[in-house]
Amino acid sequence: MIRINLLGQARPKAQRRAVPLEATLQILLLGLSLLFAVGVLWFHWYQLTQDGAKKQQEISKLQSEKARLENLKAQVDAFDAQKKLLQQRINVIEELQRNRTGGSELLDSVANTVSRTDALWLNSITRKGNELTIDGSAASINAVANFITQLKRSGRFDQVEIKESHEDDKLPGVQTFAFSLLAQFATPQNKAAAPAQPGKS
């Protein structure tokens, strides 16, 4: 629909309502508050991002250090295993050396002691270090006791004690006694290294 202005006067423009000053201030404060909140949130996010990056670097360093320490631990374990193996070999060599040392002295001492004991013979002598196990047979218990006495008097055997003794019935009609003794063989080196006891010269 077309409207025609017959009066020839300009149509007054509609006036805009003036915004109150308080409303303007509230809008401005609201905008500033939102802007401040966004700034605080962004700063907090930035701080978290930086902290996360630092933590990640620390984790990477700790993982590298852990890998290095595990490698060192593996090397130490290998060295310990090698050390134990070498120590076992050294112990075996020392044991063989101790067994070899004084071998002839041991046989001479036992032979001399047996020769001074009547009606007694030996079946076996087992040596482990300086510990001896002597197995034999005798015609009587007195012969076994005499053999123990001779071993102690020889000065080459310490801590002589009887392990077992019983009548042996392997030979019918002949009374024999099987026995087993334990003793410590005192080699010349051990005698020299042994400290003098008080009251003895």
N, C-alpha and C. Protein backbone atom coordinates (compact mmCIF):
# COMPACT_ATOMS: atom_id res chain seq x y z
N MET A 1 0.84 -1.17 0.00
CA MET A 1 0.00 0.00 0.00
C MET A 1 0.89 1.23 0.00
N ILE A 2 0.62 2.15 -0.86
CA ILE A 2 1.44 3.36 -1.01
C ILE A 2 0.81 4.46 -0.21
N ARG A 3 1.66 5.13 0.61
CA ARG A 3 1.19 6.27 1.39
C ARG A 3 1.73 7.56 0.78
N ILE A 4 0.89 8.54 0.69
CA ILE A 4 1.27 9.83 0.09
C ILE A 4 1.14 10.89 1.16
N ASN A 5 2.18 11.71 1.31
CA ASN A 5 2.19 12.79 2.29
C ASN A 5 1.60 14.03 1.62
N LEU A 6 0.36 14.37 1.96
CA LEU A 6 -0.33 15.50 1.32
C LEU A 6 0.02 16.81 2.01
N LEU A 7 0.54 16.78 3.18
CA LEU A 7 0.86 18.02 3.89
C LEU A 7 2.17 18.61 3.43
N GLY A 8 2.98 17.87 2.83
CA GLY A 8 4.26 18.37 2.34
C GLY A 8 5.27 18.59 3.43
N GLN A 9 5.03 18.08 4.60
CA GLN A 9 5.98 18.23 5.70
C GLN A 9 6.77 16.94 5.87
N ALA A 10 7.95 17.18 6.31
CA ALA A 10 8.82 16.01 6.53
C ALA A 10 8.33 15.21 7.73
N ARG A 11 8.32 13.98 7.57
CA ARG A 11 7.85 13.10 8.64
C ARG A 11 8.91 13.03 9.73
N PRO A 12 8.53 13.32 10.91
CA PRO A 12 9.54 13.28 11.99
C PRO A 12 10.07 11.85 12.19
N LYS A 13 11.38 11.83 12.43
CA LYS A 13 12.03 10.52 12.66
C LYS A 13 11.76 10.05 14.08
N ALA A 14 11.66 8.75 14.20
CA ALA A 14 11.42 8.17 15.52
C ALA A 14 12.68 8.33 16.36
N GLN A 15 12.54 8.83 17.54
CA GLN A 15 13.68 9.03 18.42
C GLN A 15 14.03 7.73 19.16
N ARG A 16 15.34 7.47 19.24
CA ARG A 16 15.81 6.28 19.99
C ARG A 16 15.84 6.59 21.47
N ARG A 17 15.55 5.58 22.21
CA ARG A 17 15.58 5.74 23.65
C ARG A 17 17.04 5.81 24.14
N ALA A 18 17.32 6.71 24.97
CA ALA A 18 18.66 6.85 25.53
C ALA A 18 18.89 5.73 26.55
N VAL A 19 20.06 5.07 26.42
CA VAL A 19 20.41 3.99 27.34
C VAL A 19 20.89 4.61 28.63
N PRO A 20 20.34 4.20 29.75
CA PRO A 20 20.77 4.75 31.03
C PRO A 20 22.26 4.49 31.27
N LEU A 21 22.91 5.39 31.98
CA LEU A 21 24.36 5.28 32.26
C LEU A 21 24.68 4.04 33.10
N GLU A 22 23.82 3.71 34.02
CA GLU A 22 24.06 2.55 34.87
C GLU A 22 24.08 1.26 34.07
N ALA A 23 23.15 1.17 33.07
CA ALA A 23 23.12 -0.03 32.23
C ALA A 23 24.39 -0.14 31.41
N THR A 24 24.86 1.01 30.92
CA THR A 24 26.11 1.01 30.14
C THR A 24 27.27 0.54 31.00
N LEU A 25 27.35 1.05 32.21
CA LEU A 25 28.42 0.62 33.10
C LEU A 25 28.33 -0.87 33.42
N GLN A 26 27.13 -1.37 33.60
CA GLN A 26 26.97 -2.80 33.89
C GLN A 26 27.44 -3.65 32.72
N ILE A 27 27.05 -3.21 31.50
CA ILE A 27 27.48 -3.96 30.31
C ILE A 27 29.00 -3.91 30.18
N LEU A 28 29.56 -2.74 30.43
CA LEU A 28 31.02 -2.60 30.33
C LEU A 28 31.72 -3.47 31.36
N LEU A 29 31.20 -3.44 32.59
CA LEU A 29 31.81 -4.26 33.63
C LEU A 29 31.66 -5.75 33.33
N LEU A 30 30.51 -6.11 32.77
CA LEU A 30 30.32 -7.52 32.40
C LEU A 30 31.31 -7.95 31.33
N GLY A 31 31.51 -7.07 30.34
CA GLY A 31 32.47 -7.39 29.28
C GLY A 31 33.89 -7.51 29.82
N LEU A 32 34.24 -6.56 30.72
CA LEU A 32 35.58 -6.62 31.31
C LEU A 32 35.74 -7.87 32.17
N SER A 33 34.71 -8.24 32.89
CA SER A 33 34.77 -9.45 33.72
C SER A 33 34.97 -10.69 32.86
N LEU A 34 34.18 -10.74 31.74
CA LEU A 34 34.36 -11.89 30.83
C LEU A 34 35.75 -11.92 30.25
N LEU A 35 36.25 -10.74 29.86
CA LEU A 35 37.59 -10.67 29.30
C LEU A 35 38.64 -11.09 30.32
N PHE A 36 38.47 -10.65 31.56
CA PHE A 36 39.41 -11.03 32.62
C PHE A 36 39.35 -12.53 32.89
N ALA A 37 38.13 -13.07 32.92
CA ALA A 37 37.99 -14.52 33.15
C ALA A 37 38.64 -15.32 32.04
N VAL A 38 38.44 -14.87 30.80
CA VAL A 38 39.09 -15.56 29.67
C VAL A 38 40.60 -15.47 29.80
N GLY A 39 41.11 -14.30 30.21
CA GLY A 39 42.56 -14.15 30.39
C GLY A 39 43.11 -15.06 31.47
N VAL A 40 42.37 -15.12 32.59
CA VAL A 40 42.82 -15.99 33.69
C VAL A 40 42.82 -17.45 33.25
N LEU A 41 41.77 -17.87 32.57
CA LEU A 41 41.69 -19.26 32.10
C LEU A 41 42.79 -19.57 31.10
N TRP A 42 43.05 -18.61 30.21
CA TRP A 42 44.13 -18.84 29.23
C TRP A 42 45.47 -18.95 29.93
N PHE A 43 45.74 -18.07 30.91
CA PHE A 43 47.00 -18.10 31.65
C PHE A 43 47.14 -19.41 32.41
N HIS A 44 46.04 -19.86 33.03
CA HIS A 44 46.07 -21.14 33.75
C HIS A 44 46.34 -22.30 32.79
N TRP A 45 45.70 -22.27 31.63
CA TRP A 45 45.95 -23.32 30.63
C TRP A 45 47.40 -23.28 30.16
N TYR A 46 47.94 -22.10 29.98
CA TYR A 46 49.33 -21.96 29.54
C TYR A 46 50.28 -22.52 30.60
N GLN A 47 49.98 -22.20 31.88
CA GLN A 47 50.83 -22.72 32.97
C GLN A 47 50.78 -24.25 33.01
N LEU A 48 49.57 -24.80 32.87
CA LEU A 48 49.45 -26.27 32.87
C LEU A 48 50.19 -26.89 31.71
N THR A 49 50.12 -26.24 30.55
CA THR A 49 50.84 -26.76 29.37
C THR A 49 52.34 -26.76 29.60
N GLN A 50 52.86 -25.65 30.19
CA GLN A 50 54.29 -25.56 30.47
C GLN A 50 54.70 -26.61 31.51
N ASP A 51 53.90 -26.74 32.57
CA ASP A 51 54.21 -27.74 33.60
C ASP A 51 54.18 -29.16 33.02
N GLY A 52 53.20 -29.42 32.16
CA GLY A 52 53.13 -30.74 31.54
C GLY A 52 54.35 -31.03 30.69
N ALA A 53 54.83 -30.00 29.96
CA ALA A 53 56.02 -30.19 29.14
C ALA A 53 57.24 -30.47 30.02
N LYS A 54 57.36 -29.72 31.14
CA LYS A 54 58.49 -29.94 32.04
C LYS A 54 58.42 -31.33 32.67
N LYS A 55 57.22 -31.73 33.08
CA LYS A 55 57.07 -33.07 33.67
C LYS A 55 57.43 -34.15 32.67
N GLN A 56 57.04 -33.94 31.42
CA GLN A 56 57.35 -34.92 30.39
C GLN A 56 58.86 -35.02 30.18
N GLN A 57 59.55 -33.87 30.23
CA GLN A 57 61.01 -33.89 30.11
C GLN A 57 61.65 -34.61 31.29
N GLU A 58 61.11 -34.34 32.50
CA GLU A 58 61.64 -35.03 33.67
C GLU A 58 61.40 -36.53 33.58
N ILE A 59 60.23 -36.92 33.11
CA ILE A 59 59.94 -38.36 32.95
C ILE A 59 60.91 -38.99 31.95
N SER A 60 61.18 -38.29 30.86
CA SER A 60 62.13 -38.81 29.85
C SER A 60 63.52 -38.97 30.46
N LYS A 61 63.94 -37.97 31.27
CA LYS A 61 65.26 -38.06 31.90
C LYS A 61 65.30 -39.22 32.89
N LEU A 62 64.23 -39.36 33.68
CA LEU A 62 64.19 -40.45 34.66
C LEU A 62 64.19 -41.82 33.98
N GLN A 63 63.49 -41.92 32.86
CA GLN A 63 63.49 -43.18 32.13
C GLN A 63 64.88 -43.50 31.58
N SER A 64 65.56 -42.46 31.09
CA SER A 64 66.93 -42.67 30.60
C SER A 64 67.85 -43.08 31.73
N GLU A 65 67.69 -42.41 32.90
CA GLU A 65 68.52 -42.75 34.05
C GLU A 65 68.22 -44.17 34.53
N LYS A 66 66.93 -44.56 34.51
CA LYS A 66 66.56 -45.92 34.90
C LYS A 66 67.20 -46.95 33.98
N ALA A 67 67.15 -46.68 32.67
CA ALA A 67 67.76 -47.61 31.72
C ALA A 67 69.27 -47.72 31.96
N ARG A 68 69.92 -46.57 32.28
CA ARG A 68 71.36 -46.59 32.54
C ARG A 68 71.67 -47.39 33.80
N LEU A 69 70.87 -47.18 34.87
CA LEU A 69 71.10 -47.91 36.11
C LEU A 69 70.83 -49.40 35.94
N GLU A 70 69.82 -49.75 35.16
CA GLU A 70 69.56 -51.18 34.92
C GLU A 70 70.72 -51.82 34.17
N ASN A 71 71.31 -51.06 33.25
CA ASN A 71 72.47 -51.57 32.52
C ASN A 71 73.65 -51.78 33.47
N LEU A 72 73.87 -50.79 34.38
CA LEU A 72 74.94 -50.92 35.36
C LEU A 72 74.69 -52.10 36.29
N LYS A 73 73.42 -52.27 36.70
CA LYS A 73 73.08 -53.39 37.59
C LYS A 73 73.35 -54.72 36.90
N ALA A 74 73.03 -54.81 35.62
CA ALA A 74 73.29 -56.05 34.88
C ALA A 74 74.80 -56.32 34.83
N GLN A 75 75.60 -55.26 34.64
CA GLN A 75 77.05 -55.43 34.62
C GLN A 75 77.57 -55.86 35.99
N VAL A 76 77.03 -55.24 37.06
CA VAL A 76 77.46 -55.61 38.41
C VAL A 76 77.09 -57.07 38.71
N ASP A 77 75.88 -57.47 38.32
CA ASP A 77 75.47 -58.87 38.53
C ASP A 77 76.38 -59.84 37.78
N ALA A 78 76.76 -59.44 36.55
CA ALA A 78 77.67 -60.29 35.78
C ALA A 78 79.03 -60.38 36.46
N PHE A 79 79.52 -59.24 36.99
CA PHE A 79 80.80 -59.25 37.69
C PHE A 79 80.72 -60.10 38.95
N ASP A 80 79.59 -60.01 39.69
CA ASP A 80 79.42 -60.82 40.90
C ASP A 80 79.41 -62.31 40.57
N ALA A 81 78.71 -62.66 39.51
CA ALA A 81 78.68 -64.07 39.11
C ALA A 81 80.07 -64.56 38.72
N GLN A 82 80.81 -63.70 37.99
CA GLN A 82 82.17 -64.08 37.61
C GLN A 82 83.07 -64.18 38.84
N LYS A 83 82.87 -63.26 39.80
CA LYS A 83 83.67 -63.29 41.03
C LYS A 83 83.40 -64.56 41.81
N LYS A 84 82.11 -64.95 41.93
CA LYS A 84 81.77 -66.18 42.65
C LYS A 84 82.38 -67.41 41.97
N LEU A 85 82.34 -67.41 40.63
CA LEU A 85 82.92 -68.54 39.90
C LEU A 85 84.43 -68.61 40.14
N LEU A 86 85.09 -67.45 40.09
CA LEU A 86 86.53 -67.44 40.34
C LEU A 86 86.85 -67.85 41.77
N GLN A 87 86.01 -67.40 42.73
CA GLN A 87 86.24 -67.78 44.12
C GLN A 87 86.07 -69.29 44.30
N GLN A 88 85.08 -69.87 43.63
CA GLN A 88 84.92 -71.32 43.71
C GLN A 88 86.14 -72.05 43.15
N ARG A 89 86.66 -71.54 42.04
CA ARG A 89 87.86 -72.16 41.47
C ARG A 89 89.05 -72.03 42.42
N ILE A 90 89.17 -70.84 43.05
CA ILE A 90 90.27 -70.64 43.99
C ILE A 90 90.12 -71.60 45.18
N ASN A 91 88.88 -71.75 45.67
CA ASN A 91 88.66 -72.66 46.80
C ASN A 91 89.02 -74.10 46.44
N VAL A 92 88.67 -74.50 45.21
CA VAL A 92 89.01 -75.87 44.78
C VAL A 92 90.52 -76.04 44.70
N ILE A 93 91.20 -75.03 44.13
CA ILE A 93 92.66 -75.12 44.02
C ILE A 93 93.31 -75.16 45.39
N GLU A 94 92.80 -74.31 46.31
CA GLU A 94 93.36 -74.31 47.67
C GLU A 94 93.10 -75.64 48.37
N GLU A 95 91.90 -76.20 48.14
CA GLU A 95 91.59 -77.49 48.74
C GLU A 95 92.52 -78.58 48.21
N LEU A 96 92.75 -78.56 46.89
CA LEU A 96 93.67 -79.54 46.30
C LEU A 96 95.09 -79.34 46.82
N GLN A 97 95.47 -78.08 46.99
CA GLN A 97 96.80 -77.79 47.51
C GLN A 97 96.96 -78.29 48.93
N ARG A 98 95.91 -78.07 49.76
CA ARG A 98 95.98 -78.56 51.14
C ARG A 98 96.03 -80.08 51.18
N ASN A 99 95.25 -80.72 50.30
CA ASN A 99 95.26 -82.18 50.28
C ASN A 99 96.61 -82.73 49.82
N ARG A 100 97.27 -81.99 48.90
CA ARG A 100 98.55 -82.47 48.41
C ARG A 100 99.66 -82.26 49.43
N THR A 101 99.54 -81.12 50.14
CA THR A 101 100.57 -80.80 51.12
C THR A 101 100.51 -81.80 52.27
N GLY A 102 101.64 -82.34 52.61
CA GLY A 102 101.70 -83.27 53.73
C GLY A 102 101.24 -84.66 53.40
N GLY A 103 101.10 -85.00 52.11
CA GLY A 103 100.65 -86.34 51.75
C GLY A 103 101.61 -87.41 52.20
N SER A 104 102.89 -87.19 51.92
CA SER A 104 103.89 -88.20 52.31
C SER A 104 104.03 -88.25 53.82
N GLU A 105 103.96 -87.07 54.49
CA GLU A 105 104.04 -87.05 55.95
C GLU A 105 102.88 -87.82 56.57
N LEU A 106 101.69 -87.67 55.95
CA LEU A 106 100.52 -88.38 56.47
C LEU A 106 100.72 -89.89 56.38
N LEU A 107 101.15 -90.37 55.20
CA LEU A 107 101.35 -91.81 55.03
C LEU A 107 102.42 -92.34 55.97
N ASP A 108 103.52 -91.57 56.12
CA ASP A 108 104.59 -92.01 57.03
C ASP A 108 104.10 -92.08 58.47
N SER A 109 103.31 -91.05 58.88
CA SER A 109 102.83 -91.03 60.26
C SER A 109 101.88 -92.18 60.53
N VAL A 110 100.96 -92.43 59.59
CA VAL A 110 100.01 -93.53 59.77
C VAL A 110 100.74 -94.87 59.78
N ALA A 111 101.69 -95.04 58.85
CA ALA A 111 102.43 -96.31 58.78
C ALA A 111 103.21 -96.56 60.06
N ASN A 112 103.86 -95.52 60.58
CA ASN A 112 104.63 -95.70 61.82
C ASN A 112 103.72 -96.04 62.99
N THR A 113 102.53 -95.40 63.02
CA THR A 113 101.60 -95.65 64.13
C THR A 113 101.04 -97.07 64.06
N VAL A 114 100.69 -97.50 62.84
CA VAL A 114 100.14 -98.86 62.69
C VAL A 114 101.19 -99.91 63.03
N SER A 115 102.45 -99.62 62.67
CA SER A 115 103.50 -100.60 62.94
C SER A 115 103.75 -100.77 64.43
N ARG A 116 103.38 -99.75 65.22
CA ARG A 116 103.56 -99.86 66.68
C ARG A 116 102.32 -100.45 67.37
N THR A 117 101.33 -100.84 66.58
CA THR A 117 100.09 -101.40 67.14
C THR A 117 99.94 -102.84 66.64
N ASP A 118 99.78 -103.78 67.57
CA ASP A 118 99.65 -105.18 67.21
C ASP A 118 98.20 -105.51 66.85
N ALA A 119 98.04 -106.49 65.97
CA ALA A 119 96.73 -107.07 65.62
C ALA A 119 95.77 -106.00 65.12
N LEU A 120 96.24 -105.14 64.23
CA LEU A 120 95.38 -104.10 63.68
C LEU A 120 95.83 -103.78 62.27
N TRP A 121 94.89 -103.62 61.40
CA TRP A 121 95.20 -103.24 60.01
C TRP A 121 94.14 -102.24 59.51
N LEU A 122 94.55 -101.42 58.56
CA LEU A 122 93.67 -100.39 58.03
C LEU A 122 93.10 -100.80 56.69
N ASN A 123 91.86 -100.41 56.46
CA ASN A 123 91.20 -100.69 55.18
C ASN A 123 91.18 -99.46 54.26
N SER A 124 91.00 -98.30 54.84
CA SER A 124 90.95 -97.10 54.00
C SER A 124 91.20 -95.86 54.86
N ILE A 125 91.72 -94.82 54.20
CA ILE A 125 91.90 -93.50 54.82
C ILE A 125 91.31 -92.48 53.86
N THR A 126 90.33 -91.73 54.33
CA THR A 126 89.71 -90.68 53.51
C THR A 126 90.10 -89.33 54.08
N ARG A 127 90.65 -88.47 53.21
CA ARG A 127 91.10 -87.15 53.67
C ARG A 127 90.29 -86.06 52.98
N LYS A 128 89.80 -85.12 53.78
CA LYS A 128 89.13 -83.94 53.27
C LYS A 128 89.72 -82.73 53.98
N GLY A 129 90.63 -82.06 53.28
CA GLY A 129 91.40 -81.02 53.95
C GLY A 129 92.33 -81.68 54.94
N ASN A 130 92.23 -81.32 56.20
CA ASN A 130 93.02 -81.96 57.25
C ASN A 130 92.18 -82.93 58.08
N GLU A 131 90.93 -83.14 57.67
CA GLU A 131 90.06 -84.08 58.38
C GLU A 131 90.25 -85.48 57.80
N LEU A 132 90.47 -86.44 58.69
CA LEU A 132 90.71 -87.82 58.27
C LEU A 132 89.60 -88.73 58.79
N THR A 133 89.23 -89.68 57.96
CA THR A 133 88.35 -90.77 58.37
C THR A 133 89.12 -92.07 58.13
N ILE A 134 89.42 -92.77 59.20
CA ILE A 134 90.25 -93.98 59.13
C ILE A 134 89.37 -95.18 59.44
N ASP A 135 89.29 -96.10 58.48
CA ASP A 135 88.52 -97.33 58.65
C ASP A 135 89.47 -98.51 58.70
N GLY A 136 89.24 -99.42 59.62
CA GLY A 136 90.12 -100.58 59.73
C GLY A 136 89.47 -101.69 60.54
N SER A 137 90.27 -102.71 60.81
CA SER A 137 89.83 -103.86 61.60
C SER A 137 90.91 -104.21 62.61
N ALA A 138 90.51 -104.81 63.71
CA ALA A 138 91.45 -105.20 64.76
C ALA A 138 90.99 -106.49 65.39
N ALA A 139 91.95 -107.15 66.03
CA ALA A 139 91.61 -108.43 66.67
C ALA A 139 90.91 -108.23 67.99
N SER A 140 91.01 -107.02 68.56
CA SER A 140 90.36 -106.77 69.84
C SER A 140 90.09 -105.28 69.98
N ILE A 141 89.20 -104.96 70.93
CA ILE A 141 88.92 -103.56 71.24
C ILE A 141 90.15 -102.89 71.83
N ASN A 142 90.94 -103.64 72.58
CA ASN A 142 92.16 -103.07 73.16
C ASN A 142 93.12 -102.61 72.09
N ALA A 143 93.17 -103.35 70.97
CA ALA A 143 94.05 -102.94 69.88
C ALA A 143 93.60 -101.61 69.29
N VAL A 144 92.28 -101.42 69.19
CA VAL A 144 91.75 -100.14 68.69
C VAL A 144 92.11 -99.01 69.65
N ALA A 145 91.94 -99.24 70.96
CA ALA A 145 92.28 -98.23 71.96
C ALA A 145 93.76 -97.91 71.92
N ASN A 146 94.60 -98.93 71.75
CA ASN A 146 96.04 -98.72 71.66
C ASN A 146 96.41 -97.91 70.42
N PHE A 147 95.71 -98.16 69.31
CA PHE A 147 95.96 -97.41 68.07
C PHE A 147 95.61 -95.93 68.27
N ILE A 148 94.49 -95.66 68.94
CA ILE A 148 94.11 -94.27 69.20
C ILE A 148 95.17 -93.59 70.07
N THR A 149 95.66 -94.31 71.07
CA THR A 149 96.71 -93.75 71.93
C THR A 149 97.97 -93.44 71.14
N GLN A 150 98.37 -94.34 70.25
CA GLN A 150 99.56 -94.12 69.44
C GLN A 150 99.40 -92.92 68.50
N LEU A 151 98.18 -92.76 67.96
CA LEU A 151 97.93 -91.60 67.09
C LEU A 151 98.11 -90.30 67.87
N LYS A 152 97.58 -90.24 69.07
CA LYS A 152 97.69 -89.02 69.87
C LYS A 152 99.14 -88.75 70.28
N ARG A 153 99.88 -89.81 70.62
CA ARG A 153 101.27 -89.65 71.04
C ARG A 153 102.20 -89.24 69.91
N SER A 154 101.81 -89.54 68.69
CA SER A 154 102.68 -89.22 67.55
C SER A 154 102.85 -87.72 67.37
N GLY A 155 101.92 -86.92 67.88
CA GLY A 155 102.00 -85.47 67.72
C GLY A 155 101.57 -84.98 66.35
N ARG A 156 101.12 -85.87 65.49
CA ARG A 156 100.70 -85.48 64.14
C ARG A 156 99.19 -85.56 63.95
N PHE A 157 98.48 -86.01 64.99
CA PHE A 157 97.02 -86.16 64.88
C PHE A 157 96.36 -85.50 66.09
N ASP A 158 95.36 -84.68 65.81
CA ASP A 158 94.61 -83.99 66.87
C ASP A 158 93.15 -84.44 66.84
N GLN A 159 92.51 -84.29 67.96
CA GLN A 159 91.08 -84.56 68.08
C GLN A 159 90.72 -85.96 67.56
N VAL A 160 91.47 -86.93 67.98
CA VAL A 160 91.22 -88.31 67.57
C VAL A 160 90.04 -88.85 68.38
N GLU A 161 89.03 -89.32 67.71
CA GLU A 161 87.88 -89.90 68.39
C GLU A 161 87.30 -91.03 67.55
N ILE A 162 86.72 -91.99 68.23
CA ILE A 162 86.16 -93.14 67.54
C ILE A 162 84.75 -92.81 67.07
N LYS A 163 84.49 -93.13 65.82
CA LYS A 163 83.18 -92.87 65.24
C LYS A 163 82.24 -94.04 65.49
N GLU A 164 82.75 -95.24 65.24
CA GLU A 164 81.95 -96.44 65.52
C GLU A 164 82.88 -97.64 65.62
N SER A 165 82.40 -98.66 66.31
CA SER A 165 83.15 -99.91 66.45
C SER A 165 82.16 -101.04 66.70
N HIS A 166 82.33 -102.14 65.98
CA HIS A 166 81.43 -103.27 66.17
C HIS A 166 82.14 -104.55 65.76
N GLU A 167 81.63 -105.65 66.27
CA GLU A 167 82.23 -106.93 65.95
C GLU A 167 81.91 -107.30 64.51
N ASP A 168 82.93 -107.75 63.81
CA ASP A 168 82.79 -108.08 62.39
C ASP A 168 82.69 -109.60 62.25
N ASP A 169 81.64 -110.04 61.57
CA ASP A 169 81.43 -111.49 61.41
C ASP A 169 81.73 -111.96 59.99
N LYS A 170 82.57 -111.21 59.27
CA LYS A 170 82.89 -111.62 57.90
C LYS A 170 83.79 -112.85 57.87
N LEU A 171 84.61 -113.01 58.91
CA LEU A 171 85.49 -114.18 58.96
C LEU A 171 84.96 -115.14 60.02
N PRO A 172 84.35 -116.24 59.61
CA PRO A 172 83.79 -117.20 60.57
C PRO A 172 84.90 -117.82 61.41
N GLY A 173 84.64 -117.91 62.70
CA GLY A 173 85.60 -118.54 63.60
C GLY A 173 86.71 -117.62 64.05
N VAL A 174 86.78 -116.39 63.51
CA VAL A 174 87.83 -115.44 63.90
C VAL A 174 87.13 -114.18 64.42
N GLN A 175 87.49 -113.80 65.63
CA GLN A 175 86.88 -112.61 66.22
C GLN A 175 87.65 -111.36 65.77
N THR A 176 86.95 -110.49 65.06
CA THR A 176 87.54 -109.20 64.63
C THR A 176 86.54 -108.08 64.90
N PHE A 177 87.08 -106.89 65.00
CA PHE A 177 86.27 -105.72 65.25
C PHE A 177 86.55 -104.67 64.18
N ALA A 178 85.50 -104.25 63.51
CA ALA A 178 85.63 -103.16 62.53
C ALA A 178 85.45 -101.83 63.26
N PHE A 179 86.23 -100.84 62.85
CA PHE A 179 86.16 -99.54 63.52
C PHE A 179 86.32 -98.42 62.49
N SER A 180 85.89 -97.26 62.92
CA SER A 180 86.04 -96.05 62.10
C SER A 180 86.41 -94.91 63.03
N LEU A 181 87.50 -94.21 62.69
CA LEU A 181 88.00 -93.11 63.52
C LEU A 181 87.93 -91.79 62.77
N LEU A 182 87.80 -90.72 63.54
CA LEU A 182 87.89 -89.37 63.01
C LEU A 182 89.08 -88.68 63.65
N ALA A 183 89.86 -87.94 62.84
CA ALA A 183 91.04 -87.27 63.37
C ALA A 183 91.38 -86.06 62.51
N GLN A 184 92.16 -85.16 63.10
CA GLN A 184 92.69 -84.00 62.40
C GLN A 184 94.18 -84.20 62.20
N PHE A 185 94.63 -84.11 60.93
CA PHE A 185 96.05 -84.28 60.64
C PHE A 185 96.73 -82.93 60.75
N ALA A 186 97.74 -82.84 61.60
CA ALA A 186 98.46 -81.60 61.82
C ALA A 186 99.69 -81.59 60.93
N THR A 187 99.62 -80.82 59.83
CA THR A 187 100.77 -80.71 58.93
C THR A 187 101.83 -79.83 59.57
N PRO A 188 103.07 -79.91 59.10
CA PRO A 188 104.12 -79.04 59.66
C PRO A 188 103.77 -77.55 59.57
N GLN A 189 103.08 -77.14 58.49
CA GLN A 189 102.70 -75.73 58.36
C GLN A 189 101.71 -75.34 59.43
N ASN A 190 100.74 -76.24 59.70
CA ASN A 190 99.74 -75.94 60.73
C ASN A 190 100.38 -75.89 62.12
N LYS A 191 101.34 -76.78 62.36
CA LYS A 191 102.01 -76.78 63.64
C LYS A 191 102.79 -75.48 63.85
N ALA A 192 103.45 -74.99 62.77
CA ALA A 192 104.22 -73.75 62.88
C ALA A 192 103.31 -72.55 63.06
N ALA A 193 102.12 -72.60 62.43
CA ALA A 193 101.20 -71.46 62.50
C ALA A 193 100.37 -71.46 63.76
N ALA A 194 100.30 -72.59 64.46
CA ALA A 194 99.47 -72.67 65.66
C ALA A 194 100.08 -71.84 66.76
N PRO A 195 99.31 -70.99 67.46
CA PRO A 195 99.85 -70.17 68.56
C PRO A 195 100.18 -71.03 69.75
N ALA A 196 101.23 -70.64 70.44
CA ALA A 196 101.65 -71.39 71.63
C ALA A 196 100.62 -71.22 72.72
N GLN A 197 100.26 -72.30 73.40
CA GLN A 197 99.27 -72.24 74.46
C GLN A 197 99.93 -71.71 75.74
N PRO A 198 99.18 -70.97 76.57
CA PRO A 198 99.76 -70.43 77.81
C PRO A 198 100.23 -71.55 78.72
N GLY A 199 101.42 -71.33 79.33
CA GLY A 199 101.96 -72.32 80.25
C GLY A 199 102.79 -73.38 79.58
N LYS A 200 102.88 -73.31 78.21
CA LYS A 200 103.68 -74.30 77.49
C LYS A 200 104.79 -73.57 76.75
N SER A 201 105.95 -74.14 76.73
CA SER A 201 107.09 -73.53 76.03
C SER A 201 107.35 -74.25 74.75
